[in-house]
Amino acid sequence: MVTSQLVVEECSVGNPDVVERRLVLLRGMPELAVDDAVKVVATALLSKGGVPRKAEFDALHIAAAAVGGADYLLTWNCRHLNNPVTKPRVRAICEQCGHTCPEICTPFELTEGDLR
């Protein structure tokens, strides 16, 4: 399992007690870079319609996972990330940029419904 600074930023918002519990889970987990290569892929995802222009943070998540070589990108965001209509386009754009798109799914899908 890996994370990124993007996830750490998202997990740092909200109720302080809940934030602390989230951050404890991320502690010590390797972080994917959010560098120029990631920004190039994110820009392509936005400009070529992989994700809406207003979803820059979502494009960065996908790009970081693709550039970082992650096998899966787990998300509860089914609007922009785990969207069956846009996933083929996202995969194609990642491939055009020279990267394999991770399998984007919910934790529920990955565990076949067993979240114990």
N, C-alpha and C. Protein backbone atom coordinates (compact mmCIF):
# COMPACT_ATOMS: atom_id res chain seq x y z
N MET A 1 0.83 -1.18 0.00
CA MET A 1 0.00 0.00 0.00
C MET A 1 0.88 1.24 0.00
N VAL A 2 0.43 2.22 -0.73
CA VAL A 2 1.11 3.50 -0.80
C VAL A 2 0.07 4.60 -0.66
N THR A 3 0.54 5.79 -0.40
CA THR A 3 -0.32 6.95 -0.32
C THR A 3 0.40 8.08 -1.05
N SER A 4 -0.11 9.29 -0.92
CA SER A 4 0.56 10.46 -1.49
C SER A 4 0.26 11.65 -0.59
N GLN A 5 1.00 12.73 -0.81
CA GLN A 5 0.75 13.95 -0.05
C GLN A 5 -0.67 14.44 -0.29
N LEU A 6 -1.21 14.15 -1.45
CA LEU A 6 -2.59 14.54 -1.76
C LEU A 6 -3.57 13.90 -0.77
N VAL A 7 -3.36 12.61 -0.50
CA VAL A 7 -4.23 11.89 0.44
C VAL A 7 -4.04 12.43 1.85
N VAL A 8 -2.79 12.69 2.21
CA VAL A 8 -2.51 13.23 3.54
C VAL A 8 -3.23 14.57 3.72
N GLU A 9 -3.19 15.41 2.68
CA GLU A 9 -3.89 16.71 2.75
C GLU A 9 -5.39 16.51 2.92
N GLU A 10 -5.98 15.61 2.15
CA GLU A 10 -7.42 15.35 2.27
C GLU A 10 -7.78 14.82 3.65
N CYS A 11 -6.95 13.94 4.17
CA CYS A 11 -7.22 13.32 5.47
C CYS A 11 -7.00 14.28 6.63
N SER A 12 -6.37 15.41 6.38
CA SER A 12 -6.07 16.37 7.42
C SER A 12 -7.18 17.40 7.64
N VAL A 13 -8.29 17.25 6.94
CA VAL A 13 -9.38 18.20 7.02
C VAL A 13 -10.55 17.59 7.80
N GLY A 14 -11.14 18.40 8.68
CA GLY A 14 -12.34 17.95 9.38
C GLY A 14 -12.16 17.88 10.88
N ASN A 15 -12.99 17.08 11.50
CA ASN A 15 -13.00 16.89 12.94
C ASN A 15 -11.61 16.43 13.40
N PRO A 16 -11.00 17.15 14.36
CA PRO A 16 -9.63 16.82 14.79
C PRO A 16 -9.46 15.38 15.25
N ASP A 17 -10.44 14.82 15.95
CA ASP A 17 -10.32 13.43 16.41
C ASP A 17 -10.31 12.46 15.23
N VAL A 18 -11.16 12.72 14.26
CA VAL A 18 -11.23 11.86 13.07
C VAL A 18 -9.97 12.04 12.23
N VAL A 19 -9.50 13.29 12.12
CA VAL A 19 -8.26 13.56 11.38
C VAL A 19 -7.12 12.74 11.97
N GLU A 20 -6.99 12.75 13.29
CA GLU A 20 -5.89 12.02 13.94
C GLU A 20 -5.98 10.52 13.65
N ARG A 21 -7.18 9.96 13.68
CA ARG A 21 -7.34 8.53 13.38
C ARG A 21 -6.94 8.22 11.94
N ARG A 22 -7.31 9.12 11.03
CA ARG A 22 -6.93 8.91 9.62
C ARG A 22 -5.42 8.97 9.46
N LEU A 23 -4.81 9.97 10.06
CA LEU A 23 -3.36 10.16 9.88
C LEU A 23 -2.56 9.03 10.52
N VAL A 24 -3.07 8.45 11.60
CA VAL A 24 -2.39 7.31 12.22
C VAL A 24 -2.32 6.15 11.22
N LEU A 25 -3.38 5.95 10.46
CA LEU A 25 -3.41 4.87 9.47
C LEU A 25 -2.39 5.10 8.35
N LEU A 26 -2.10 6.35 8.05
CA LEU A 26 -1.19 6.67 6.96
C LEU A 26 0.28 6.71 7.38
N ARG A 27 0.52 6.84 8.69
CA ARG A 27 1.89 6.97 9.19
C ARG A 27 2.76 5.80 8.76
N GLY A 28 3.92 6.13 8.23
CA GLY A 28 4.87 5.11 7.83
C GLY A 28 4.60 4.51 6.46
N MET A 29 3.47 4.87 5.84
CA MET A 29 3.16 4.34 4.52
C MET A 29 3.99 5.08 3.47
N PRO A 30 4.60 4.38 2.54
CA PRO A 30 5.37 5.06 1.49
C PRO A 30 4.49 6.03 0.71
N GLU A 31 5.06 7.18 0.35
CA GLU A 31 4.30 8.19 -0.39
C GLU A 31 4.76 8.27 -1.84
N LEU A 32 3.79 8.26 -2.74
CA LEU A 32 4.08 8.49 -4.15
C LEU A 32 4.40 9.97 -4.35
N ALA A 33 5.30 10.24 -5.26
CA ALA A 33 5.68 11.62 -5.56
C ALA A 33 4.56 12.34 -6.29
N VAL A 34 4.48 13.63 -6.06
CA VAL A 34 3.61 14.50 -6.85
C VAL A 34 4.56 15.52 -7.49
N ASP A 35 5.17 15.08 -8.60
CA ASP A 35 6.22 15.87 -9.24
C ASP A 35 5.77 16.33 -10.62
N ASP A 36 6.72 16.84 -11.40
CA ASP A 36 6.39 17.36 -12.73
C ASP A 36 5.80 16.28 -13.64
N ALA A 37 6.29 15.05 -13.55
CA ALA A 37 5.75 13.97 -14.38
C ALA A 37 4.28 13.73 -14.06
N VAL A 38 3.95 13.80 -12.77
CA VAL A 38 2.55 13.63 -12.34
C VAL A 38 1.71 14.79 -12.87
N LYS A 39 2.24 15.98 -12.80
CA LYS A 39 1.49 17.16 -13.26
C LYS A 39 1.24 17.12 -14.77
N VAL A 40 2.17 16.55 -15.53
CA VAL A 40 1.98 16.40 -16.98
C VAL A 40 0.80 15.48 -17.26
N VAL A 41 0.74 14.35 -16.58
CA VAL A 41 -0.36 13.40 -16.77
C VAL A 41 -1.68 14.01 -16.30
N ALA A 42 -1.65 14.69 -15.16
CA ALA A 42 -2.87 15.33 -14.65
C ALA A 42 -3.39 16.37 -15.64
N THR A 43 -2.49 17.14 -16.21
CA THR A 43 -2.90 18.15 -17.20
C THR A 43 -3.54 17.47 -18.41
N ALA A 44 -2.97 16.36 -18.86
CA ALA A 44 -3.55 15.63 -19.98
C ALA A 44 -4.94 15.10 -19.63
N LEU A 45 -5.09 14.56 -18.42
CA LEU A 45 -6.40 14.05 -18.00
C LEU A 45 -7.45 15.17 -18.01
N LEU A 46 -7.05 16.35 -17.61
CA LEU A 46 -7.98 17.48 -17.58
C LEU A 46 -8.26 18.01 -18.99
N SER A 47 -7.22 18.17 -19.80
CA SER A 47 -7.40 18.78 -21.12
C SER A 47 -8.05 17.85 -22.13
N LYS A 48 -7.91 16.53 -21.93
CA LYS A 48 -8.47 15.57 -22.89
C LYS A 48 -9.78 14.95 -22.42
N GLY A 49 -10.35 15.49 -21.34
CA GLY A 49 -11.67 15.04 -20.91
C GLY A 49 -11.71 13.78 -20.09
N GLY A 50 -10.58 13.39 -19.52
CA GLY A 50 -10.59 12.21 -18.64
C GLY A 50 -11.34 12.50 -17.35
N VAL A 51 -11.12 13.69 -16.83
CA VAL A 51 -11.87 14.18 -15.67
C VAL A 51 -12.24 15.63 -15.95
N PRO A 52 -13.32 16.12 -15.34
CA PRO A 52 -13.72 17.51 -15.58
C PRO A 52 -12.64 18.49 -15.13
N ARG A 53 -12.55 19.62 -15.81
CA ARG A 53 -11.54 20.63 -15.48
C ARG A 53 -11.61 21.07 -14.02
N LYS A 54 -12.79 21.04 -13.44
CA LYS A 54 -12.94 21.46 -12.04
C LYS A 54 -12.41 20.42 -11.05
N ALA A 55 -12.03 19.25 -11.55
CA ALA A 55 -11.60 18.14 -10.69
C ALA A 55 -10.08 17.96 -10.75
N GLU A 56 -9.33 19.04 -10.62
CA GLU A 56 -7.87 18.99 -10.71
C GLU A 56 -7.27 18.04 -9.67
N PHE A 57 -7.79 18.08 -8.45
CA PHE A 57 -7.26 17.23 -7.38
C PHE A 57 -7.46 15.75 -7.75
N ASP A 58 -8.60 15.42 -8.34
CA ASP A 58 -8.87 14.04 -8.76
C ASP A 58 -7.90 13.61 -9.87
N ALA A 59 -7.63 14.52 -10.80
CA ALA A 59 -6.67 14.22 -11.87
C ALA A 59 -5.29 13.96 -11.29
N LEU A 60 -4.91 14.72 -10.27
CA LEU A 60 -3.61 14.51 -9.62
C LEU A 60 -3.55 13.15 -8.92
N HIS A 61 -4.65 12.74 -8.30
CA HIS A 61 -4.69 11.41 -7.66
C HIS A 61 -4.42 10.31 -8.68
N ILE A 62 -5.14 10.36 -9.80
CA ILE A 62 -4.98 9.35 -10.85
C ILE A 62 -3.55 9.39 -11.39
N ALA A 63 -3.07 10.58 -11.67
CA ALA A 63 -1.73 10.74 -12.25
C ALA A 63 -0.65 10.23 -11.30
N ALA A 64 -0.76 10.55 -10.02
CA ALA A 64 0.24 10.09 -9.05
C ALA A 64 0.27 8.57 -8.99
N ALA A 65 -0.91 7.96 -9.02
CA ALA A 65 -0.98 6.49 -8.97
C ALA A 65 -0.42 5.88 -10.26
N ALA A 66 -0.72 6.48 -11.39
CA ALA A 66 -0.24 5.95 -12.68
C ALA A 66 1.28 6.10 -12.79
N VAL A 67 1.78 7.29 -12.54
CA VAL A 67 3.22 7.54 -12.65
C VAL A 67 3.98 6.72 -11.61
N GLY A 68 3.39 6.58 -10.42
CA GLY A 68 4.03 5.83 -9.35
C GLY A 68 3.94 4.32 -9.49
N GLY A 69 3.21 3.85 -10.50
CA GLY A 69 3.13 2.42 -10.76
C GLY A 69 2.22 1.65 -9.81
N ALA A 70 1.25 2.32 -9.21
CA ALA A 70 0.31 1.64 -8.32
C ALA A 70 -0.57 0.68 -9.12
N ASP A 71 -0.87 -0.46 -8.54
CA ASP A 71 -1.75 -1.42 -9.19
C ASP A 71 -3.21 -1.01 -9.07
N TYR A 72 -3.56 -0.43 -7.92
CA TYR A 72 -4.94 -0.04 -7.64
C TYR A 72 -4.98 1.38 -7.11
N LEU A 73 -6.07 2.07 -7.41
CA LEU A 73 -6.38 3.36 -6.80
C LEU A 73 -7.73 3.18 -6.12
N LEU A 74 -7.71 3.13 -4.79
CA LEU A 74 -8.94 2.93 -4.03
C LEU A 74 -9.57 4.28 -3.73
N THR A 75 -10.87 4.35 -3.93
CA THR A 75 -11.59 5.61 -3.74
C THR A 75 -13.06 5.35 -3.47
N TRP A 76 -13.67 6.28 -2.78
CA TRP A 76 -15.13 6.28 -2.65
C TRP A 76 -15.73 7.30 -3.61
N ASN A 77 -14.89 7.98 -4.38
CA ASN A 77 -15.34 9.02 -5.32
C ASN A 77 -15.76 8.35 -6.63
N CYS A 78 -17.05 8.16 -6.78
CA CYS A 78 -17.57 7.52 -7.99
C CYS A 78 -18.06 8.54 -9.02
N ARG A 79 -17.89 9.81 -8.71
CA ARG A 79 -18.27 10.85 -9.67
C ARG A 79 -17.17 11.07 -10.69
N HIS A 80 -15.94 11.27 -10.21
CA HIS A 80 -14.85 11.59 -11.14
C HIS A 80 -13.80 10.49 -11.23
N LEU A 81 -13.62 9.70 -10.19
CA LEU A 81 -12.54 8.71 -10.21
C LEU A 81 -13.03 7.33 -10.63
N ASN A 82 -13.96 6.77 -9.89
CA ASN A 82 -14.44 5.41 -10.18
C ASN A 82 -15.73 5.48 -10.98
N ASN A 83 -15.66 6.14 -12.11
CA ASN A 83 -16.83 6.35 -12.96
C ASN A 83 -16.71 5.44 -14.18
N PRO A 84 -17.64 4.49 -14.34
CA PRO A 84 -17.51 3.53 -15.44
C PRO A 84 -17.58 4.17 -16.83
N VAL A 85 -18.16 5.35 -16.94
CA VAL A 85 -18.24 6.03 -18.23
C VAL A 85 -16.89 6.65 -18.61
N THR A 86 -16.20 7.21 -17.62
CA THR A 86 -14.95 7.91 -17.92
C THR A 86 -13.69 7.05 -17.77
N LYS A 87 -13.79 5.93 -17.06
CA LYS A 87 -12.58 5.11 -16.83
C LYS A 87 -11.88 4.68 -18.12
N PRO A 88 -12.59 4.27 -19.17
CA PRO A 88 -11.87 3.90 -20.41
C PRO A 88 -11.07 5.08 -20.98
N ARG A 89 -11.63 6.28 -20.90
CA ARG A 89 -10.93 7.47 -21.39
C ARG A 89 -9.71 7.76 -20.52
N VAL A 90 -9.88 7.63 -19.21
CA VAL A 90 -8.77 7.85 -18.28
C VAL A 90 -7.64 6.87 -18.57
N ARG A 91 -7.98 5.61 -18.77
CA ARG A 91 -6.96 4.59 -19.09
C ARG A 91 -6.20 4.95 -20.37
N ALA A 92 -6.96 5.34 -21.38
CA ALA A 92 -6.35 5.68 -22.67
C ALA A 92 -5.41 6.88 -22.55
N ILE A 93 -5.81 7.88 -21.80
CA ILE A 93 -4.97 9.07 -21.63
C ILE A 93 -3.69 8.71 -20.87
N CYS A 94 -3.81 7.92 -19.83
CA CYS A 94 -2.62 7.49 -19.10
C CYS A 94 -1.66 6.75 -20.03
N GLU A 95 -2.20 5.87 -20.85
CA GLU A 95 -1.38 5.10 -21.78
C GLU A 95 -0.73 6.02 -22.82
N GLN A 96 -1.46 7.02 -23.31
CA GLN A 96 -0.89 7.99 -24.25
C GLN A 96 0.29 8.73 -23.62
N CYS A 97 0.25 8.88 -22.30
CA CYS A 97 1.32 9.57 -21.58
C CYS A 97 2.44 8.61 -21.18
N GLY A 98 2.32 7.33 -21.55
CA GLY A 98 3.36 6.36 -21.29
C GLY A 98 3.26 5.65 -19.95
N HIS A 99 2.07 5.66 -19.34
CA HIS A 99 1.89 5.03 -18.03
C HIS A 99 0.68 4.11 -18.06
N THR A 100 0.73 3.08 -17.24
CA THR A 100 -0.41 2.19 -17.07
C THR A 100 -1.31 2.77 -16.00
N CYS A 101 -2.57 2.89 -16.31
CA CYS A 101 -3.54 3.39 -15.33
C CYS A 101 -3.81 2.30 -14.30
N PRO A 102 -3.81 2.64 -13.02
CA PRO A 102 -4.16 1.63 -12.03
C PRO A 102 -5.63 1.25 -12.16
N GLU A 103 -5.98 0.11 -11.64
CA GLU A 103 -7.39 -0.27 -11.57
C GLU A 103 -8.03 0.64 -10.53
N ILE A 104 -9.03 1.40 -10.94
CA ILE A 104 -9.70 2.33 -10.05
C ILE A 104 -10.98 1.66 -9.54
N CYS A 105 -11.07 1.53 -8.22
CA CYS A 105 -12.23 0.85 -7.64
C CYS A 105 -12.43 1.29 -6.19
N THR A 106 -13.57 0.92 -5.65
CA THR A 106 -13.82 1.18 -4.23
C THR A 106 -13.20 0.06 -3.41
N PRO A 107 -12.92 0.32 -2.14
CA PRO A 107 -12.44 -0.77 -1.28
C PRO A 107 -13.42 -1.94 -1.27
N PHE A 108 -14.71 -1.64 -1.34
CA PHE A 108 -15.74 -2.67 -1.35
C PHE A 108 -15.57 -3.58 -2.57
N GLU A 109 -15.32 -2.99 -3.74
CA GLU A 109 -15.12 -3.78 -4.94
C GLU A 109 -13.87 -4.66 -4.85
N LEU A 110 -12.81 -4.09 -4.31
CA LEU A 110 -11.55 -4.82 -4.22
C LEU A 110 -11.64 -6.01 -3.28
N THR A 111 -12.39 -5.84 -2.20
CA THR A 111 -12.51 -6.91 -1.20
C THR A 111 -13.72 -7.80 -1.45
N GLU A 112 -14.39 -7.62 -2.57
CA GLU A 112 -15.59 -8.37 -2.92
C GLU A 112 -16.65 -8.27 -1.83
N GLY A 113 -16.73 -7.09 -1.22
CA GLY A 113 -17.77 -6.83 -0.22
C GLY A 113 -17.40 -7.17 1.20
N ASP A 114 -16.23 -7.74 1.43
CA ASP A 114 -15.81 -8.11 2.78
C ASP A 114 -14.84 -7.07 3.31
N LEU A 115 -15.34 -6.09 4.05
CA LEU A 115 -14.52 -4.99 4.56
C LEU A 115 -14.07 -5.21 6.00
N ARG A 116 -14.10 -6.45 6.46
CA ARG A 116 -13.66 -6.71 7.85
C ARG A 116 -12.22 -6.42 8.03
